[in-house]
Every structure is written in C-alpha cells, then in structure tokens.
C-alpha cells in the first residue's frame, strides 16, 4: 500500500453555522466510511509564500492555490482516486488532485 496526497483547490466556504455543521458532518461521515485508509485527515490551508531556486521569496502559491489536503492509503492511484471521488469538498465546486507519494527515506 502507498500513501496518496489529496490536494483540494477551489470551492467555497459555508455561509452559516447550520451549513458549516452540515459540511463538517459530511466530512466526518466520509472519513468514517474510509476507515483505516485515512492516514491524515488534513486541514484547510490559508496563506502561502513561494521560494524560488535563487532563494527569493514571493507572496502566494506556485500554480493554483490549494485550499486543503488529506492523506489516504490505497493499493493504487486508481483506488485512491475512487476513494477521493466521494469527498465532500467536491459538493462546494472544489477539485481534487491525487498524488502518489514515494517513500524516499
């Protein structure tokens, strides 16, 4: 089994407490459904800076700004994608990039 990084981009935040509770309940149900496949449920992401190869620092992300992440465990990239397809973040218009991580150390 490998670990897969899910990077969320776009989407929106719920406007009311009732909507926030519904979203959090949806996330809780999704994580419960995935069970031991969840390595790190992750968190939302806010501000970013990027560093160039010359060491200079710039405001913002490189490419699309990520809005959050999770780490899942699966037998293959296709299986990780299948797990990600039911992620509640998609209901808010977000997209998910699924990356296989490589054990380097």
C-alpha atoms as a PDB file:
ATOM      1  CA  UNK A   1       0.000   0.000   0.000  1.00  0.00           C
ATOM      2  CA  UNK A   2       1.106   3.526  -0.759  1.00  0.00           C
ATOM      3  CA  UNK A   3       0.123   6.913   0.620  1.00  0.00           C
ATOM      4  CA  UNK A   4      -1.681   9.406  -1.592  1.00  0.00           C
ATOM      5  CA  UNK A   5      -1.819  13.154  -1.077  1.00  0.00           C
ATOM      6  CA  UNK A   6      -5.170  14.710  -1.916  1.00  0.00           C
ATOM      7  CA  UNK A   7      -4.817  18.426  -2.634  1.00  0.00           C
ATOM      8  CA  UNK A   8      -8.046  20.407  -2.721  1.00  0.00           C
ATOM      9  CA  UNK A   9      -8.345  23.564  -4.838  1.00  0.00           C
ATOM     10  CA  UNK A  10     -11.246  25.958  -5.205  1.00  0.00           C
ATOM     11  CA  UNK A  11     -14.654  25.504  -3.720  1.00  0.00           C
ATOM     12  CA  UNK A  12     -16.411  27.674  -1.208  1.00  0.00           C
ATOM     13  CA  UNK A  13     -16.918  28.034   2.499  1.00  0.00           C
ATOM     14  CA  UNK A  14     -20.337  27.578   4.107  1.00  0.00           C
ATOM     15  CA  UNK A  15     -22.021  30.868   4.998  1.00  0.00           C
ATOM     16  CA  UNK A  16     -23.991  29.915   8.104  1.00  0.00           C
ATOM     17  CA  UNK A  17     -23.446  27.854  11.238  1.00  0.00           C
ATOM     18  CA  UNK A  18     -26.078  25.371  10.025  1.00  0.00           C
ATOM     19  CA  UNK A  19     -24.268  24.969   6.694  1.00  0.00           C
ATOM     20  CA  UNK A  20     -20.889  24.613   8.483  1.00  0.00           C
ATOM     21  CA  UNK A  21     -22.307  21.867  10.712  1.00  0.00           C
ATOM     22  CA  UNK A  22     -23.686  20.025   7.648  1.00  0.00           C
ATOM     23  CA  UNK A  23     -20.312  20.254   5.893  1.00  0.00           C
ATOM     24  CA  UNK A  24     -18.437  19.015   8.977  1.00  0.00           C
ATOM     25  CA  UNK A  25     -20.940  16.161   9.380  1.00  0.00           C
ATOM     26  CA  UNK A  26     -20.365  15.219   5.720  1.00  0.00           C
ATOM     27  CA  UNK A  27     -16.581  15.192   6.275  1.00  0.00           C
ATOM     28  CA  UNK A  28     -16.979  13.069   9.413  1.00  0.00           C
ATOM     29  CA  UNK A  29     -19.177  10.582   7.556  1.00  0.00           C
ATOM     30  CA  UNK A  30     -16.687  10.390   4.669  1.00  0.00           C
ATOM     31  CA  UNK A  31     -13.728   9.774   6.981  1.00  0.00           C
ATOM     32  CA  UNK A  32     -15.739   7.125   8.871  1.00  0.00           C
ATOM     33  CA  UNK A  33     -16.572   5.405   5.575  1.00  0.00           C
ATOM     34  CA  UNK A  34     -12.880   5.372   4.575  1.00  0.00           C
ATOM     35  CA  UNK A  35     -11.825   3.974   7.959  1.00  0.00           C
ATOM     36  CA  UNK A  36      -8.166   2.869   8.102  1.00  0.00           C
ATOM     37  CA  UNK A  37      -7.459   4.321   4.629  1.00  0.00           C
ATOM     38  CA  UNK A  38      -7.239   7.743   6.331  1.00  0.00           C
ATOM     39  CA  UNK A  39      -3.584   8.407   7.210  1.00  0.00           C
ATOM     40  CA  UNK A  40      -4.076  12.130   7.940  1.00  0.00           C
ATOM     41  CA  UNK A  41      -7.490  13.789   7.593  1.00  0.00           C
ATOM     42  CA  UNK A  42      -5.660  17.042   6.860  1.00  0.00           C
ATOM     43  CA  UNK A  43      -6.787  20.612   7.297  1.00  0.00           C
ATOM     44  CA  UNK A  44      -7.777  23.675   5.326  1.00  0.00           C
ATOM     45  CA  UNK A  45      -4.887  25.755   4.003  1.00  0.00           C
ATOM     46  CA  UNK A  46      -4.668  29.558   4.112  1.00  0.00           C
ATOM     47  CA  UNK A  47      -1.911  31.958   3.102  1.00  0.00           C
ATOM     48  CA  UNK A  48       1.183  30.874   1.181  1.00  0.00           C
ATOM     49  CA  UNK A  49       4.575  32.103   0.096  1.00  0.00           C
ATOM     50  CA  UNK A  50       6.794  30.502  -2.515  1.00  0.00           C
ATOM     51  CA  UNK A  51      10.567  30.266  -2.697  1.00  0.00           C
ATOM     52  CA  UNK A  52      12.472  30.438  -5.997  1.00  0.00           C
ATOM     53  CA  UNK A  53      15.621  28.452  -6.695  1.00  0.00           C
ATOM     54  CA  UNK A  54      17.657  31.619  -6.101  1.00  0.00           C
ATOM     55  CA  UNK A  55      16.209  31.837  -2.579  1.00  0.00           C
ATOM     56  CA  UNK A  56      13.935  34.799  -3.257  1.00  0.00           C
ATOM     57  CA  UNK A  57      10.558  34.669  -1.508  1.00  0.00           C
ATOM     58  CA  UNK A  58       7.281  35.740  -3.131  1.00  0.00           C
ATOM     59  CA  UNK A  59       3.701  36.066  -1.918  1.00  0.00           C
ATOM     60  CA  UNK A  60       1.228  33.373  -2.950  1.00  0.00           C
ATOM     61  CA  UNK A  61       1.375  29.817  -4.156  1.00  0.00           C
ATOM     62  CA  UNK A  62       3.032  28.402  -7.243  1.00  0.00           C
ATOM     63  CA  UNK A  63       0.196  27.466  -9.598  1.00  0.00           C
ATOM     64  CA  UNK A  64      -3.342  27.038  -8.291  1.00  0.00           C
ATOM     65  CA  UNK A  65      -3.785  27.907  -4.645  1.00  0.00           C
ATOM     66  CA  UNK A  66      -4.580  24.859  -2.532  1.00  0.00           C
ATOM     67  CA  UNK A  67      -7.491  25.117  -0.102  1.00  0.00           C
ATOM     68  CA  UNK A  68      -6.744  21.954   1.897  1.00  0.00           C
ATOM     69  CA  UNK A  69      -5.296  18.453   1.925  1.00  0.00           C
ATOM     70  CA  UNK A  70      -5.745  14.896   3.201  1.00  0.00           C
ATOM     71  CA  UNK A  71      -3.531  11.810   3.055  1.00  0.00           C
ATOM     72  CA  UNK A  72      -5.052   8.416   2.238  1.00  0.00           C
ATOM     73  CA  UNK A  73      -3.637   4.909   1.958  1.00  0.00           C
ATOM     74  CA  UNK A  74      -4.618   2.722  -1.025  1.00  0.00           C
ATOM     75  CA  UNK A  75      -3.376  -0.127  -3.215  1.00  0.00           C
ATOM     76  CA  UNK A  76      -3.062   2.036  -6.346  1.00  0.00           C
ATOM     77  CA  UNK A  77      -3.565   5.513  -7.744  1.00  0.00           C
ATOM     78  CA  UNK A  78      -6.829   4.385  -9.347  1.00  0.00           C
ATOM     79  CA  UNK A  79      -8.114   3.099  -5.993  1.00  0.00           C
ATOM     80  CA  UNK A  80      -7.111   6.354  -4.290  1.00  0.00           C
ATOM     81  CA  UNK A  81      -8.989   8.284  -6.988  1.00  0.00           C
ATOM     82  CA  UNK A  82     -12.049   6.085  -6.405  1.00  0.00           C
ATOM     83  CA  UNK A  83     -11.916   6.916  -2.681  1.00  0.00           C
ATOM     84  CA  UNK A  84     -11.489  10.631  -3.421  1.00  0.00           C
ATOM     85  CA  UNK A  85     -14.497  10.754  -5.763  1.00  0.00           C
ATOM     86  CA  UNK A  86     -16.870  10.737  -2.794  1.00  0.00           C
ATOM     87  CA  UNK A  87     -15.053  13.539  -0.920  1.00  0.00           C
ATOM     88  CA  UNK A  88     -17.470  16.207   0.353  1.00  0.00           C
ATOM     89  CA  UNK A  89     -15.239  19.043  -0.888  1.00  0.00           C
ATOM     90  CA  UNK A  90     -16.492  18.306  -4.394  1.00  0.00           C
ATOM     91  CA  UNK A  91     -20.000  19.471  -3.366  1.00  0.00           C
ATOM     92  CA  UNK A  92     -18.660  23.028  -2.982  1.00  0.00           C
ATOM     93  CA  UNK A  93     -17.237  23.131  -6.502  1.00  0.00           C
ATOM     94  CA  UNK A  94     -13.665  22.244  -5.497  1.00  0.00           C
ATOM     95  CA  UNK A  95     -11.353  19.973  -7.464  1.00  0.00           C
ATOM     96  CA  UNK A  96      -9.007  17.309  -6.114  1.00  0.00           C
ATOM     97  CA  UNK A  97      -5.528  16.393  -7.349  1.00  0.00           C
ATOM     98  CA  UNK A  98      -4.436  12.946  -6.176  1.00  0.00           C
ATOM     99  CA  UNK A  99      -0.675  12.383  -5.938  1.00  0.00           C
ATOM    100  CA  UNK A 100       1.060   9.113  -5.100  1.00  0.00           C
ATOM    101  CA  UNK A 101       3.817   9.732  -2.584  1.00  0.00           C
ATOM    102  CA  UNK A 102       7.137   7.920  -2.888  1.00  0.00           C
ATOM    103  CA  UNK A 103       8.901   6.592   0.191  1.00  0.00           C
ATOM    104  CA  UNK A 104      12.321   8.245  -0.128  1.00  0.00           C
ATOM    105  CA  UNK A 105      13.607   7.973   3.446  1.00  0.00           C
END
